[in-house]
Amino acid sequence: MNCAIATDDGIFLMGRHFGDACQYDLYCVEKDGFTYSETIKNPFREKEEDDEDVHGDKIKASNMKELLLEKSVSVIVSKRFGPNINRMVRNFVPVIVRHNEVEKAKHLLLEHYDEVQAMIHEGENRQHIVLG
């Protein structure tokens, strides 16, 4: 499974919503380990001074969806998701991680590989997963 981890620096998960990350570190996660693929900058990131009412924007969700599907992502990982989680769950398994480090998030994905993989195959019935 290919996952996109929301981060600002590649070391820590950031505390803002998934769509507000500076970048996404992409990994291929398999039952026995993970491989770094690439880092993509978030071209849809809102400026910090923008009003709170931009959260949940349908156009931003659609653009983000296309960007991630183009990279064959099936799992999106963050500490927080905004209202667009309801749109993103149609195409991805959102994984909420209760730790700060990207490295810990990767290991949690390995520990819960079967659970996450099963949720990918749920299609229209998929839900988010909380780990840690």
C-alpha atoms as a PDB file:
ATOM      1  CA  MET A   1       0.000   0.000   0.000  1.00  0.00           C
ATOM      2  CA  ASN A   2       1.202   3.498  -0.771  1.00  0.00           C
ATOM      3  CA  CYS A   3       0.768   6.114   1.931  1.00  0.00           C
ATOM      4  CA  ALA A   4       1.176   9.875   2.158  1.00  0.00           C
ATOM      5  CA  ILE A   5       2.313  11.201   5.539  1.00  0.00           C
ATOM      6  CA  ALA A   6       1.502  14.848   6.258  1.00  0.00           C
ATOM      7  CA  THR A   7       4.556  16.684   7.590  1.00  0.00           C
ATOM      8  CA  ASP A   8       6.275  20.041   7.442  1.00  0.00           C
ATOM      9  CA  ASP A   9       9.831  18.771   7.844  1.00  0.00           C
ATOM     10  CA  GLY A  10       9.903  15.004   7.261  1.00  0.00           C
ATOM     11  CA  ILE A  11      10.570  14.373  10.949  1.00  0.00           C
ATOM     12  CA  PHE A  12       7.367  15.339  12.749  1.00  0.00           C
ATOM     13  CA  LEU A  13       3.687  15.065  11.953  1.00  0.00           C
ATOM     14  CA  MET A  14       2.231  18.523  12.134  1.00  0.00           C
ATOM     15  CA  GLY A  15      -0.739  19.474  14.313  1.00  0.00           C
ATOM     16  CA  ARG A  16      -2.787  21.096  11.551  1.00  0.00           C
ATOM     17  CA  HIS A  17      -5.223  19.343   9.229  1.00  0.00           C
ATOM     18  CA  PHE A  18      -3.879  16.919   6.603  1.00  0.00           C
ATOM     19  CA  GLY A  19      -4.536  19.391   3.759  1.00  0.00           C
ATOM     20  CA  ASP A  20      -2.490  22.099   5.494  1.00  0.00           C
ATOM     21  CA  ALA A  21       0.825  20.215   5.564  1.00  0.00           C
ATOM     22  CA  CYS A  22       3.782  21.758   3.757  1.00  0.00           C
ATOM     23  CA  GLN A  23       4.618  18.406   2.200  1.00  0.00           C
ATOM     24  CA  TYR A  24       3.713  14.732   2.007  1.00  0.00           C
ATOM     25  CA  ASP A  25       6.318  12.022   2.396  1.00  0.00           C
ATOM     26  CA  LEU A  26       5.277   9.044   0.288  1.00  0.00           C
ATOM     27  CA  TYR A  27       6.108   5.495   1.358  1.00  0.00           C
ATOM     28  CA  CYS A  28       5.349   2.060   0.034  1.00  0.00           C
ATOM     29  CA  VAL A  29       4.361  -0.020   3.065  1.00  0.00           C
ATOM     30  CA  GLU A  30       4.477  -3.787   2.849  1.00  0.00           C
ATOM     31  CA  LYS A  31       3.981  -6.377   5.550  1.00  0.00           C
ATOM     32  CA  ASP A  32       7.738  -6.668   6.154  1.00  0.00           C
ATOM     33  CA  GLY A  33       8.779  -3.010   5.917  1.00  0.00           C
ATOM     34  CA  PHE A  34       8.483   0.313   4.177  1.00  0.00           C
ATOM     35  CA  THR A  35      10.335   2.090   1.402  1.00  0.00           C
ATOM     36  CA  TYR A  36      10.557   5.832   0.905  1.00  0.00           C
ATOM     37  CA  SER A  37       9.239   6.878  -2.513  1.00  0.00           C
ATOM     38  CA  GLU A  38       9.350  10.664  -2.689  1.00  0.00           C
ATOM     39  CA  THR A  39       8.356  13.931  -1.059  1.00  0.00           C
ATOM     40  CA  ILE A  40       5.781  16.109  -2.756  1.00  0.00           C
ATOM     41  CA  LYS A  41       5.172  19.714  -1.808  1.00  0.00           C
ATOM     42  CA  ASN A  42       1.583  20.688  -1.085  1.00  0.00           C
ATOM     43  CA  PRO A  43       0.560  23.106  -3.855  1.00  0.00           C
ATOM     44  CA  PHE A  44      -2.857  23.634  -2.215  1.00  0.00           C
ATOM     45  CA  ARG A  45      -1.637  24.719   1.226  1.00  0.00           C
ATOM     46  CA  GLU A  46      -3.443  27.736   2.592  1.00  0.00           C
ATOM     47  CA  LYS A  47      -1.444  30.558   4.090  1.00  0.00           C
ATOM     48  CA  GLU A  48      -1.468  30.531   7.890  1.00  0.00           C
ATOM     49  CA  GLU A  49      -3.089  33.944   8.027  1.00  0.00           C
ATOM     50  CA  ASP A  50      -6.074  32.797   5.924  1.00  0.00           C
ATOM     51  CA  ASP A  51      -9.444  32.629   7.615  1.00  0.00           C
ATOM     52  CA  GLU A  52     -10.544  29.419   9.278  1.00  0.00           C
ATOM     53  CA  ASP A  53     -13.519  29.169   6.905  1.00  0.00           C
ATOM     54  CA  VAL A  54     -11.318  27.744   4.116  1.00  0.00           C
ATOM     55  CA  HIS A  55     -11.304  24.363   5.879  1.00  0.00           C
ATOM     56  CA  GLY A  56     -13.532  21.860   4.128  1.00  0.00           C
ATOM     57  CA  ASP A  57     -13.206  23.496   0.708  1.00  0.00           C
ATOM     58  CA  LYS A  58     -14.539  21.069  -1.952  1.00  0.00           C
ATOM     59  CA  ILE A  59     -12.182  22.309  -4.651  1.00  0.00           C
ATOM     60  CA  LYS A  60      -9.133  21.870  -2.416  1.00  0.00           C
ATOM     61  CA  ALA A  61     -10.274  18.319  -1.569  1.00  0.00           C
ATOM     62  CA  SER A  62     -10.780  17.500  -5.238  1.00  0.00           C
ATOM     63  CA  ASN A  63      -7.366  18.854  -6.192  1.00  0.00           C
ATOM     64  CA  MET A  64      -5.682  16.993  -3.325  1.00  0.00           C
ATOM     65  CA  LYS A  65      -7.498  13.793  -4.311  1.00  0.00           C
ATOM     66  CA  GLU A  66      -6.245  14.030  -7.902  1.00  0.00           C
ATOM     67  CA  LEU A  67      -2.669  14.749  -6.792  1.00  0.00           C
ATOM     68  CA  LEU A  68      -2.578  11.745  -4.462  1.00  0.00           C
ATOM     69  CA  LEU A  69      -4.352   9.351  -6.830  1.00  0.00           C
ATOM     70  CA  GLU A  70      -1.809  10.288  -9.498  1.00  0.00           C
ATOM     71  CA  LYS A  71       0.856   9.003  -7.075  1.00  0.00           C
ATOM     72  CA  SER A  72      -1.146   5.772  -6.408  1.00  0.00           C
ATOM     73  CA  VAL A  73      -1.699   6.681  -2.749  1.00  0.00           C
ATOM     74  CA  SER A  74      -4.287   4.603  -0.901  1.00  0.00           C
ATOM     75  CA  VAL A  75      -3.598   5.669   2.719  1.00  0.00           C
ATOM     76  CA  ILE A  76      -3.299   9.217   4.074  1.00  0.00           C
ATOM     77  CA  VAL A  77      -1.695   9.785   7.488  1.00  0.00           C
ATOM     78  CA  SER A  78      -1.904  12.786   9.799  1.00  0.00           C
ATOM     79  CA  LYS A  79      -2.451  13.801  13.409  1.00  0.00           C
ATOM     80  CA  ARG A  80      -5.578  15.710  12.372  1.00  0.00           C
ATOM     81  CA  PHE A  81      -8.060  15.856   9.537  1.00  0.00           C
ATOM     82  CA  GLY A  82     -10.579  18.576   8.804  1.00  0.00           C
ATOM     83  CA  PRO A  83     -14.083  18.367   7.372  1.00  0.00           C
ATOM     84  CA  ASN A  84     -12.750  17.059   4.055  1.00  0.00           C
ATOM     85  CA  ILE A  85     -12.085  13.698   5.697  1.00  0.00           C
ATOM     86  CA  ASN A  86     -15.629  12.802   4.600  1.00  0.00           C
ATOM     87  CA  ARG A  87     -14.661  13.408   0.967  1.00  0.00           C
ATOM     88  CA  MET A  88     -11.209  11.842   1.200  1.00  0.00           C
ATOM     89  CA  VAL A  89     -12.461   8.589   2.753  1.00  0.00           C
ATOM     90  CA  ARG A  90     -14.166   7.810  -0.557  1.00  0.00           C
ATOM     91  CA  ASN A  91     -10.757   7.296  -2.172  1.00  0.00           C
ATOM     92  CA  PHE A  92      -8.301   6.799   0.692  1.00  0.00           C
ATOM     93  CA  VAL A  93      -8.046   5.300   4.158  1.00  0.00           C
ATOM     94  CA  PRO A  94      -7.402   8.243   6.506  1.00  0.00           C
ATOM     95  CA  VAL A  95      -5.164   7.154   9.393  1.00  0.00           C
ATOM     96  CA  ILE A  96      -5.060   9.400  12.440  1.00  0.00           C
ATOM     97  CA  VAL A  97      -1.834   8.902  14.414  1.00  0.00           C
ATOM     98  CA  ARG A  98      -1.650  10.004  18.041  1.00  0.00           C
ATOM     99  CA  HIS A  99       2.151  10.450  18.028  1.00  0.00           C
ATOM    100  CA  ASN A 100       4.354  13.271  16.809  1.00  0.00           C
ATOM    101  CA  GLU A 101       7.086  11.462  14.878  1.00  0.00           C
ATOM    102  CA  VAL A 102       6.897  10.336  11.243  1.00  0.00           C
ATOM    103  CA  GLU A 103       9.048   7.327  12.169  1.00  0.00           C
ATOM    104  CA  LYS A 104       6.502   6.226  14.800  1.00  0.00           C
ATOM    105  CA  ALA A 105       3.674   6.646  12.281  1.00  0.00           C
ATOM    106  CA  LYS A 106       5.471   4.362   9.829  1.00  0.00           C
ATOM    107  CA  HIS A 107       5.961   1.691  12.481  1.00  0.00           C
ATOM    108  CA  LEU A 108       2.309   1.920  13.521  1.00  0.00           C
ATOM    109  CA  LEU A 109       1.317   1.318   9.896  1.00  0.00           C
ATOM    110  CA  LEU A 110       3.462  -1.816   9.925  1.00  0.00           C
ATOM    111  CA  GLU A 111       1.996  -3.012  13.230  1.00  0.00           C
ATOM    112  CA  HIS A 112      -1.551  -2.529  11.896  1.00  0.00           C
ATOM    113  CA  TYR A 113      -0.825  -3.517   8.311  1.00  0.00           C
ATOM    114  CA  ASP A 114      -3.625  -6.104   8.051  1.00  0.00           C
ATOM    115  CA  GLU A 115      -6.218  -3.736   9.544  1.00  0.00           C
ATOM    116  CA  VAL A 116      -5.281  -0.890   7.192  1.00  0.00           C
ATOM    117  CA  GLN A 117      -5.082  -3.209   4.190  1.00  0.00           C
ATOM    118  CA  ALA A 118      -8.538  -4.618   4.982  1.00  0.00           C
ATOM    119  CA  MET A 119      -9.970  -1.091   5.198  1.00  0.00           C
ATOM    120  CA  ILE A 120      -8.566  -0.237   1.757  1.00  0.00           C
ATOM    121  CA  HIS A 121     -10.699  -3.040   0.320  1.00  0.00           C
ATOM    122  CA  GLU A 122     -13.879  -1.805   2.027  1.00  0.00           C
ATOM    123  CA  GLY A 123     -14.510   0.622  -0.854  1.00  0.00           C
ATOM    124  CA  GLU A 124     -17.607   2.739  -0.209  1.00  0.00           C
ATOM    125  CA  ASN A 125     -17.787   1.394   3.349  1.00  0.00           C
ATOM    126  CA  ARG A 126     -14.277   2.410   4.363  1.00  0.00           C
ATOM    127  CA  GLN A 127     -13.728   4.502   7.473  1.00  0.00           C
ATOM    128  CA  HIS A 128     -10.848   6.289   9.107  1.00  0.00           C
ATOM    129  CA  ILE A 129      -8.542   4.462  11.512  1.00  0.00           C
ATOM    130  CA  VAL A 130      -6.997   5.831  14.708  1.00  0.00           C
ATOM    131  CA  LEU A 131      -3.592   4.428  15.720  1.00  0.00           C
ATOM    132  CA  GLY A 132      -1.477   4.956  18.790  1.00  0.00           C
END
